[in-house]
Amino acid sequence: MKIATWNINNVQRRLPLLLAWLEATRPDVVALQELKVADAEFPGAALEAVGYGSVCAGQRPWNGVALLARDTTPVLVRRSLPGDAADRQSRYIEAAVNGVVVASIYLPNGNPQPGPKFDYKLAWFERLRAHAASLWASGHPVALAGDFNVVPTDDDIYSPESWLDNALLQPEARAAYRRLLDQGWTDALRARHPTDRIYTFWDYRRNRWQRDAGLRIDHLLLSAGLASRLADAGVDRAVRGMEDASDHAPAWALLADD
């Protein structure tokens, strides 16, 4: 099973890129973030035409998450993260695909910090950690996939100096990510590339793609049963270099059969 995650940065605008990438790579499950469309605008029919069923929690103008599955339809579990009934931002969706529970996660950016947006980021992170603990305790095979909006360490960014004030690098956000991993989750990209400089996001500004000035903020976290099957993981960097691309590239994890 190949599980991928991609912050698509407007699914309607990048639909041709998405369809071409699906045809070229044929992942079994895809977690999408930053759809930037309402549910009614999500291109489910176009995806179904190329063999992918889908569930989504859309929201204009900035949020929205979805899960795609090849040759089947994901079985929806939940369309929001538990823990705050007043939170209306569409940042979490969870479904089962062929016996694996997969979540698509779009964690808040948190900028500017300090301030209410950063407070919301940290509170959302704690809600995620609490829910992840319950998923871990269930014993089911689970993958938490998405844009976590955190650079785990200085080895996950081309140069931290110009980002020191950014919410993605703050000690509190990094500590929250570490506490999540401490539940037992395996960071698939880092497990397969323990010492490599591997990035998933290149800002549009200051020629950062051309300079390979990237950050690793998109992650695939695997439960113990899935981590034992991890055969490979990587980033489809070439997608970031295509015309009118998202500022993120798809990341993926390949799991051996049981």
C-alpha atoms as a PDB file:
ATOM      1  CA  MET A   1       0.000   0.000   0.000  1.00  0.00           C
ATOM      2  CA  LYS A   2       1.259   3.429  -0.966  1.00  0.00           C
ATOM      3  CA  ILE A   3      -0.028   6.315   1.157  1.00  0.00           C
ATOM      4  CA  ALA A   4       0.666   9.876   0.027  1.00  0.00           C
ATOM      5  CA  THR A   5       0.003  13.360   1.332  1.00  0.00           C
ATOM      6  CA  TRP A   6      -0.097  16.612  -0.607  1.00  0.00           C
ATOM      7  CA  ASN A   7      -0.993  20.159   0.329  1.00  0.00           C
ATOM      8  CA  ILE A   8      -2.543  20.889  -3.046  1.00  0.00           C
ATOM      9  CA  ASN A   9      -3.022  24.644  -2.403  1.00  0.00           C
ATOM     10  CA  ASN A  10      -6.341  24.918  -4.293  1.00  0.00           C
ATOM     11  CA  VAL A  11      -7.647  21.639  -5.671  1.00  0.00           C
ATOM     12  CA  GLN A  12      -9.631  23.202  -8.513  1.00  0.00           C
ATOM     13  CA  ARG A  13      -6.713  25.253  -9.766  1.00  0.00           C
ATOM     14  CA  ARG A  14      -4.302  22.324  -9.554  1.00  0.00           C
ATOM     15  CA  LEU A  15      -6.705  19.595 -10.694  1.00  0.00           C
ATOM     16  CA  PRO A  16      -4.771  18.916 -13.950  1.00  0.00           C
ATOM     17  CA  LEU A  17      -1.568  18.467 -11.935  1.00  0.00           C
ATOM     18  CA  LEU A  18      -3.358  16.218  -9.449  1.00  0.00           C
ATOM     19  CA  LEU A  19      -4.831  14.014 -12.172  1.00  0.00           C
ATOM     20  CA  ALA A  20      -1.487  13.723 -13.977  1.00  0.00           C
ATOM     21  CA  TRP A  21       0.314  12.843 -10.737  1.00  0.00           C
ATOM     22  CA  LEU A  22      -2.300  10.215  -9.825  1.00  0.00           C
ATOM     23  CA  GLU A  23      -1.930   8.613 -13.244  1.00  0.00           C
ATOM     24  CA  ALA A  24       1.870   8.638 -13.048  1.00  0.00           C
ATOM     25  CA  THR A  25       2.304   7.359  -9.480  1.00  0.00           C
ATOM     26  CA  ARG A  26      -0.938   5.461  -8.655  1.00  0.00           C
ATOM     27  CA  PRO A  27      -0.929   5.830  -4.876  1.00  0.00           C
ATOM     28  CA  ASP A  28      -3.496   3.724  -3.034  1.00  0.00           C
ATOM     29  CA  VAL A  29      -4.466   6.475  -0.588  1.00  0.00           C
ATOM     30  CA  VAL A  30      -3.972  10.239  -0.842  1.00  0.00           C
ATOM     31  CA  ALA A  31      -4.466  12.828   1.884  1.00  0.00           C
ATOM     32  CA  LEU A  32      -5.041  16.311   0.464  1.00  0.00           C
ATOM     33  CA  GLN A  33      -4.943  19.614   2.333  1.00  0.00           C
ATOM     34  CA  GLU A  34      -5.726  23.259   1.646  1.00  0.00           C
ATOM     35  CA  LEU A  35      -8.480  22.448  -0.831  1.00  0.00           C
ATOM     36  CA  LYS A  36      -9.793  26.048  -0.821  1.00  0.00           C
ATOM     37  CA  VAL A  37     -13.195  24.883  -2.080  1.00  0.00           C
ATOM     38  CA  ALA A  38     -16.576  24.161  -0.517  1.00  0.00           C
ATOM     39  CA  ASP A  39     -17.842  20.567  -0.487  1.00  0.00           C
ATOM     40  CA  ALA A  40     -20.044  21.178  -3.533  1.00  0.00           C
ATOM     41  CA  GLU A  41     -17.043  22.417  -5.518  1.00  0.00           C
ATOM     42  CA  PHE A  42     -14.785  19.452  -4.779  1.00  0.00           C
ATOM     43  CA  PRO A  43     -13.958  17.612  -8.054  1.00  0.00           C
ATOM     44  CA  GLY A  44     -15.137  14.197  -6.912  1.00  0.00           C
ATOM     45  CA  ALA A  45     -16.514  13.230 -10.333  1.00  0.00           C
ATOM     46  CA  ALA A  46     -13.228  14.015 -12.090  1.00  0.00           C
ATOM     47  CA  LEU A  47     -11.356  11.919  -9.543  1.00  0.00           C
ATOM     48  CA  GLU A  48     -13.820   9.065  -9.830  1.00  0.00           C
ATOM     49  CA  ALA A  49     -13.312   9.101 -13.590  1.00  0.00           C
ATOM     50  CA  VAL A  50      -9.642   8.207 -13.064  1.00  0.00           C
ATOM     51  CA  GLY A  51     -10.386   5.530 -10.473  1.00  0.00           C
ATOM     52  CA  TYR A  52     -10.361   7.373  -7.149  1.00  0.00           C
ATOM     53  CA  GLY A  53     -13.182   7.509  -4.646  1.00  0.00           C
ATOM     54  CA  SER A  54     -13.092  10.392  -2.204  1.00  0.00           C
ATOM     55  CA  VAL A  55     -14.430  11.970   0.953  1.00  0.00           C
ATOM     56  CA  CYS A  56     -13.856  15.613   1.799  1.00  0.00           C
ATOM     57  CA  ALA A  57     -14.421  18.345   4.339  1.00  0.00           C
ATOM     58  CA  GLY A  58     -14.190  21.443   2.193  1.00  0.00           C
ATOM     59  CA  GLN A  59     -14.052  25.072   3.200  1.00  0.00           C
ATOM     60  CA  ARG A  60     -13.403  28.336   1.429  1.00  0.00           C
ATOM     61  CA  PRO A  61     -11.259  30.342   1.222  1.00  0.00           C
ATOM     62  CA  TRP A  62      -8.197  28.720   2.841  1.00  0.00           C
ATOM     63  CA  ASN A  63      -8.941  25.357   4.461  1.00  0.00           C
ATOM     64  CA  GLY A  64     -10.357  21.982   3.490  1.00  0.00           C
ATOM     65  CA  VAL A  65      -9.074  18.407   3.600  1.00  0.00           C
ATOM     66  CA  ALA A  66      -9.846  15.222   1.673  1.00  0.00           C
ATOM     67  CA  LEU A  67      -8.961  11.556   1.365  1.00  0.00           C
ATOM     68  CA  LEU A  68      -8.773   9.673  -1.925  1.00  0.00           C
ATOM     69  CA  ALA A  69      -8.598   5.910  -2.433  1.00  0.00           C
ATOM     70  CA  ARG A  70      -7.779   3.996  -5.596  1.00  0.00           C
ATOM     71  CA  ASP A  71     -10.517   1.662  -6.852  1.00  0.00           C
ATOM     72  CA  THR A  72     -12.646   2.131  -3.760  1.00  0.00           C
ATOM     73  CA  THR A  73     -14.363   4.789  -1.666  1.00  0.00           C
ATOM     74  CA  PRO A  74     -12.927   5.673   1.748  1.00  0.00           C
ATOM     75  CA  VAL A  75     -15.246   4.776   4.616  1.00  0.00           C
ATOM     76  CA  LEU A  76     -15.717   8.049   6.457  1.00  0.00           C
ATOM     77  CA  VAL A  77     -15.045   7.948  10.206  1.00  0.00           C
ATOM     78  CA  ARG A  78     -15.093  11.661  11.101  1.00  0.00           C
ATOM     79  CA  ARG A  79     -14.924  15.054   9.384  1.00  0.00           C
ATOM     80  CA  SER A  80     -13.478  17.085  12.246  1.00  0.00           C
ATOM     81  CA  LEU A  81     -10.995  16.804  15.076  1.00  0.00           C
ATOM     82  CA  PRO A  82     -12.607  16.076  18.464  1.00  0.00           C
ATOM     83  CA  GLY A  83     -12.115  18.297  21.470  1.00  0.00           C
ATOM     84  CA  ASP A  84     -13.671  21.655  20.555  1.00  0.00           C
ATOM     85  CA  ALA A  85     -17.251  21.696  19.296  1.00  0.00           C
ATOM     86  CA  ALA A  86     -16.974  25.427  18.542  1.00  0.00           C
ATOM     87  CA  ASP A  87     -14.101  24.972  16.068  1.00  0.00           C
ATOM     88  CA  ARG A  88     -15.479  25.339  12.534  1.00  0.00           C
ATOM     89  CA  GLN A  89     -12.218  25.212  10.579  1.00  0.00           C
ATOM     90  CA  SER A  90     -12.039  22.225   8.208  1.00  0.00           C
ATOM     91  CA  ARG A  91      -8.627  20.799   9.034  1.00  0.00           C
ATOM     92  CA  TYR A  92      -9.161  17.098   9.771  1.00  0.00           C
ATOM     93  CA  ILE A  93     -10.835  14.150   8.090  1.00  0.00           C
ATOM     94  CA  GLU A  94     -10.489  10.460   8.943  1.00  0.00           C
ATOM     95  CA  ALA A  95     -11.524   7.398   6.987  1.00  0.00           C
ATOM     96  CA  ALA A  96     -10.811   3.688   6.640  1.00  0.00           C
ATOM     97  CA  VAL A  97      -9.310   2.321   3.426  1.00  0.00           C
ATOM     98  CA  ASN A  98      -8.771  -1.420   3.040  1.00  0.00           C
ATOM     99  CA  GLY A  99      -8.480  -1.913   6.779  1.00  0.00           C
ATOM    100  CA  VAL A 100      -6.191   1.056   7.453  1.00  0.00           C
ATOM    101  CA  VAL A 101      -7.380   4.187   9.243  1.00  0.00           C
ATOM    102  CA  VAL A 102      -5.955   7.289   7.528  1.00  0.00           C
ATOM    103  CA  ALA A 103      -6.277  10.907   8.640  1.00  0.00           C
ATOM    104  CA  SER A 104      -5.686  13.952   6.463  1.00  0.00           C
ATOM    105  CA  ILE A 105      -4.385  16.756   8.671  1.00  0.00           C
ATOM    106  CA  TYR A 106      -3.967  20.470   7.982  1.00  0.00           C
ATOM    107  CA  LEU A 107      -2.545  21.821  11.207  1.00  0.00           C
ATOM    108  CA  PRO A 108      -2.862  25.601  11.724  1.00  0.00           C
ATOM    109  CA  ASN A 109       0.054  27.711  10.507  1.00  0.00           C
ATOM    110  CA  GLY A 110       0.127  29.861  13.645  1.00  0.00           C
ATOM    111  CA  ASN A 111       1.550  33.073  12.215  1.00  0.00           C
ATOM    112  CA  PRO A 112       1.960  35.722  13.349  1.00  0.00           C
ATOM    113  CA  GLN A 113       3.336  34.635  16.678  1.00  0.00           C
ATOM    114  CA  PRO A 114       2.938  35.304  19.491  1.00  0.00           C
ATOM    115  CA  GLY A 115      -0.784  35.903  19.328  1.00  0.00           C
ATOM    116  CA  PRO A 116      -4.180  34.224  19.007  1.00  0.00           C
ATOM    117  CA  LYS A 117      -3.298  32.336  15.816  1.00  0.00           C
ATOM    118  CA  PHE A 118      -0.299  30.728  17.507  1.00  0.00           C
ATOM    119  CA  ASP A 119      -2.397  29.942  20.585  1.00  0.00           C
ATOM    120  CA  TYR A 120      -4.939  28.242  18.310  1.00  0.00           C
ATOM    121  CA  LYS A 121      -2.140  26.238  16.666  1.00  0.00           C
ATOM    122  CA  LEU A 122      -0.887  24.909  19.997  1.00  0.00           C
ATOM    123  CA  ALA A 123      -4.408  24.142  21.251  1.00  0.00           C
ATOM    124  CA  TRP A 124      -5.190  22.296  18.008  1.00  0.00           C
ATOM    125  CA  PHE A 125      -1.941  20.349  18.359  1.00  0.00           C
ATOM    126  CA  GLU A 126      -2.971  19.240  21.843  1.00  0.00           C
ATOM    127  CA  ARG A 127      -6.360  18.117  20.547  1.00  0.00           C
ATOM    128  CA  LEU A 128      -4.600  16.146  17.818  1.00  0.00           C
ATOM    129  CA  ARG A 129      -2.289  14.559  20.367  1.00  0.00           C
ATOM    130  CA  ALA A 130      -5.235  13.499  22.523  1.00  0.00           C
ATOM    131  CA  HIS A 131      -7.090  11.985  19.580  1.00  0.00           C
ATOM    132  CA  ALA A 132      -3.927  10.332  18.253  1.00  0.00           C
ATOM    133  CA  ALA A 133      -3.466   8.683  21.643  1.00  0.00           C
ATOM    134  CA  SER A 134      -6.920   7.120  21.342  1.00  0.00           C
ATOM    135  CA  LEU A 135      -6.141   5.927  17.812  1.00  0.00           C
ATOM    136  CA  TRP A 136      -2.879   4.411  19.019  1.00  0.00           C
ATOM    137  CA  ALA A 137      -4.619   2.695  21.916  1.00  0.00           C
ATOM    138  CA  SER A 138      -7.183   1.166  19.538  1.00  0.00           C
ATOM    139  CA  GLY A 139      -4.494  -1.086  18.067  1.00  0.00           C
ATOM    140  CA  HIS A 140      -5.746  -0.445  14.530  1.00  0.00           C
ATOM    141  CA  PRO A 141      -3.263   0.272  11.731  1.00  0.00           C
ATOM    142  CA  VAL A 142      -3.283   4.071  11.465  1.00  0.00           C
ATOM    143  CA  ALA A 143      -1.523   6.686   9.315  1.00  0.00           C
ATOM    144  CA  LEU A 144      -1.585  10.371  10.265  1.00  0.00           C
ATOM    145  CA  ALA A 145      -0.783  12.205   7.041  1.00  0.00           C
ATOM    146  CA  GLY A 146      -0.681  15.861   6.195  1.00  0.00           C
ATOM    147  CA  ASP A 147       0.703  19.342   6.502  1.00  0.00           C
ATOM    148  CA  PHE A 148       1.637  19.634  10.173  1.00  0.00           C
ATOM    149  CA  ASN A 149       3.056  23.149   9.740  1.00  0.00           C
ATOM    150  CA  VAL A 150       6.032  22.339  11.944  1.00  0.00           C
ATOM    151  CA  VAL A 151       9.713  21.959  11.052  1.00  0.00           C
ATOM    152  CA  PRO A 152      10.728  19.254  13.544  1.00  0.00           C
ATOM    153  CA  THR A 153      14.446  20.110  13.767  1.00  0.00           C
ATOM    154  CA  ASP A 154      17.030  22.361  12.162  1.00  0.00           C
ATOM    155  CA  ASP A 155      17.940  19.402   9.932  1.00  0.00           C
ATOM    156  CA  ASP A 156      14.506  19.795   8.304  1.00  0.00           C
ATOM    157  CA  ILE A 157      15.122  23.274   6.895  1.00  0.00           C
ATOM    158  CA  TYR A 158      17.703  24.695   4.513  1.00  0.00           C
ATOM    159  CA  SER A 159      18.687  27.397   7.010  1.00  0.00           C
ATOM    160  CA  PRO A 160      16.789  28.314  10.164  1.00  0.00           C
ATOM    161  CA  GLU A 161      18.229  31.804  10.597  1.00  0.00           C
ATOM    162  CA  SER A 162      15.695  33.683   8.462  1.00  0.00           C
ATOM    163  CA  TRP A 163      12.778  31.695   9.929  1.00  0.00           C
ATOM    164  CA  LEU A 164      13.518  32.055  13.636  1.00  0.00           C
ATOM    165  CA  ASP A 165      10.410  34.162  14.272  1.00  0.00           C
ATOM    166  CA  ASN A 166       8.145  31.915  12.225  1.00  0.00           C
ATOM    167  CA  ALA A 167       5.544  29.783  14.003  1.00  0.00           C
ATOM    168  CA  LEU A 168       6.765  26.679  12.140  1.00  0.00           C
ATOM    169  CA  LEU A 169      10.064  26.693  14.078  1.00  0.00           C
ATOM    170  CA  GLN A 170       8.971  27.769  17.535  1.00  0.00           C
ATOM    171  CA  PRO A 171      10.090  25.560  20.433  1.00  0.00           C
ATOM    172  CA  GLU A 172       6.489  25.069  21.577  1.00  0.00           C
ATOM    173  CA  ALA A 173       5.414  23.709  18.169  1.00  0.00           C
ATOM    174  CA  ARG A 174       8.455  21.470  17.929  1.00  0.00           C
ATOM    175  CA  ALA A 175       7.836  20.167  21.443  1.00  0.00           C
ATOM    176  CA  ALA A 176       4.212  19.385  20.550  1.00  0.00           C
ATOM    177  CA  TYR A 177       5.356  17.383  17.534  1.00  0.00           C
ATOM    178  CA  ARG A 178       7.893  15.529  19.671  1.00  0.00           C
ATOM    179  CA  ARG A 179       5.213  14.685  22.261  1.00  0.00           C
ATOM    180  CA  LEU A 180       3.085  13.269  19.454  1.00  0.00           C
ATOM    181  CA  LEU A 181       5.955  11.066  18.251  1.00  0.00           C
ATOM    182  CA  ASP A 182       6.591   9.982  21.821  1.00  0.00           C
ATOM    183  CA  GLN A 183       3.280   8.123  21.746  1.00  0.00           C
ATOM    184  CA  GLY A 184       5.097   5.678  19.464  1.00  0.00           C
ATOM    185  CA  TRP A 185       4.389   6.997  15.948  1.00  0.00           C
ATOM    186  CA  THR A 186       7.069   6.554  13.286  1.00  0.00           C
ATOM    187  CA  ASP A 187       7.927   9.545  11.085  1.00  0.00           C
ATOM    188  CA  ALA A 188       8.150   7.645   7.784  1.00  0.00           C
ATOM    189  CA  LEU A 189      10.296  10.126   5.868  1.00  0.00           C
ATOM    190  CA  ARG A 190      12.840  10.496   8.645  1.00  0.00           C
ATOM    191  CA  ALA A 191      12.868   6.738   9.297  1.00  0.00           C
ATOM    192  CA  ARG A 192      13.855   6.069   5.689  1.00  0.00           C
ATOM    193  CA  HIS A 193      16.137   9.126   5.357  1.00  0.00           C
ATOM    194  CA  PRO A 194      17.684   9.543   8.811  1.00  0.00           C
ATOM    195  CA  THR A 195      20.456  11.931   7.755  1.00  0.00           C
ATOM    196  CA  ASP A 196      19.325  13.330   4.389  1.00  0.00           C
ATOM    197  CA  ARG A 197      18.195  16.874   3.760  1.00  0.00           C
ATOM    198  CA  ILE A 198      14.689  16.150   2.552  1.00  0.00           C
ATOM    199  CA  TYR A 199      12.106  18.882   1.988  1.00  0.00           C
ATOM    200  CA  THR A 200       8.395  19.000   1.143  1.00  0.00           C
ATOM    201  CA  PHE A 201       7.754  22.772   0.904  1.00  0.00           C
ATOM    202  CA  TRP A 202       9.479  25.587  -0.953  1.00  0.00           C
ATOM    203  CA  ASP A 203       8.064  29.091  -0.482  1.00  0.00           C
ATOM    204  CA  TYR A 204       7.130  30.966  -3.649  1.00  0.00           C
ATOM    205  CA  ARG A 205       9.163  33.982  -2.536  1.00  0.00           C
ATOM    206  CA  ARG A 206      12.873  34.703  -3.004  1.00  0.00           C
ATOM    207  CA  ASN A 207      13.472  31.924  -5.566  1.00  0.00           C
ATOM    208  CA  ARG A 208      13.409  29.315  -2.824  1.00  0.00           C
ATOM    209  CA  TRP A 209      12.502  26.483  -5.205  1.00  0.00           C
ATOM    210  CA  GLN A 210      15.291  27.405  -7.590  1.00  0.00           C
ATOM    211  CA  ARG A 211      17.746  27.574  -4.666  1.00  0.00           C
ATOM    212  CA  ASP A 212      16.415  24.365  -3.055  1.00  0.00           C
ATOM    213  CA  ALA A 213      15.715  26.447   0.052  1.00  0.00           C
ATOM    214  CA  GLY A 214      13.123  24.041   1.416  1.00  0.00           C
ATOM    215  CA  LEU A 215      11.425  22.945   4.613  1.00  0.00           C
ATOM    216  CA  ARG A 216      10.030  19.593   5.737  1.00  0.00           C
ATOM    217  CA  ILE A 217       6.578  20.288   7.151  1.00  0.00           C
ATOM    218  CA  ASP A 218       4.494  17.526   5.535  1.00  0.00           C
ATOM    219  CA  HIS A 219       4.664  14.289   7.485  1.00  0.00           C
ATOM    220  CA  LEU A 220       3.407  10.707   7.440  1.00  0.00           C
ATOM    221  CA  LEU A 221       3.213   9.202  10.920  1.00  0.00           C
ATOM    222  CA  LEU A 222       2.663   5.451  11.149  1.00  0.00           C
ATOM    223  CA  SER A 223       1.340   3.254  13.939  1.00  0.00           C
ATOM    224  CA  ALA A 224       3.469   0.325  15.038  1.00  0.00           C
ATOM    225  CA  GLY A 225       1.810  -2.190  12.750  1.00  0.00           C
ATOM    226  CA  LEU A 226       2.295   0.007   9.692  1.00  0.00           C
ATOM    227  CA  ALA A 227       5.815   1.072  10.682  1.00  0.00           C
ATOM    228  CA  SER A 228       6.888  -2.581  10.672  1.00  0.00           C
ATOM    229  CA  ARG A 229       5.784  -2.741   7.021  1.00  0.00           C
ATOM    230  CA  LEU A 230       7.539   0.468   5.923  1.00  0.00           C
ATOM    231  CA  ALA A 231       9.500  -0.367   2.754  1.00  0.00           C
ATOM    232  CA  ASP A 232      10.260   3.108   1.433  1.00  0.00           C
ATOM    233  CA  ALA A 233       9.289   6.765   1.675  1.00  0.00           C
ATOM    234  CA  GLY A 234      10.062   9.842  -0.358  1.00  0.00           C
ATOM    235  CA  VAL A 235       8.988  13.138  -1.888  1.00  0.00           C
ATOM    236  CA  ASP A 236       7.925  13.638  -5.492  1.00  0.00           C
ATOM    237  CA  ARG A 237      10.025  16.773  -5.837  1.00  0.00           C
ATOM    238  CA  ALA A 238       9.535  17.144  -9.578  1.00  0.00           C
ATOM    239  CA  VAL A 239       5.885  18.060  -9.048  1.00  0.00           C
ATOM    240  CA  ARG A 240       6.962  21.258  -7.267  1.00  0.00           C
ATOM    241  CA  GLY A 241       8.828  22.352 -10.389  1.00  0.00           C
ATOM    242  CA  MET A 242       5.851  22.074 -12.725  1.00  0.00           C
ATOM    243  CA  GLU A 243       4.051  25.110 -14.100  1.00  0.00           C
ATOM    244  CA  ASP A 244       1.615  26.694 -11.628  1.00  0.00           C
ATOM    245  CA  ALA A 245       2.528  24.116  -8.986  1.00  0.00           C
ATOM    246  CA  SER A 246       1.587  24.099  -5.322  1.00  0.00           C
ATOM    247  CA  ASP A 247       4.356  25.290  -3.008  1.00  0.00           C
ATOM    248  CA  HIS A 248       4.311  21.770  -1.513  1.00  0.00           C
ATOM    249  CA  ALA A 249       5.357  18.515  -3.167  1.00  0.00           C
ATOM    250  CA  PRO A 250       3.637  15.166  -2.521  1.00  0.00           C
ATOM    251  CA  ALA A 251       5.243  12.973   0.133  1.00  0.00           C
ATOM    252  CA  TRP A 252       4.596   9.241   0.329  1.00  0.00           C
ATOM    253  CA  ALA A 253       5.232   6.041   2.245  1.00  0.00           C
ATOM    254  CA  LEU A 254       5.272   2.572   0.705  1.00  0.00           C
ATOM    255  CA  LEU A 255       4.116  -0.289   2.926  1.00  0.00           C
ATOM    256  CA  ALA A 256       4.868  -3.936   2.227  1.00  0.00           C
ATOM    257  CA  ASP A 257       1.957  -6.365   2.170  1.00  0.00           C
ATOM    258  CA  ASP A 258       1.019  -8.114   5.401  1.00  0.00           C
END
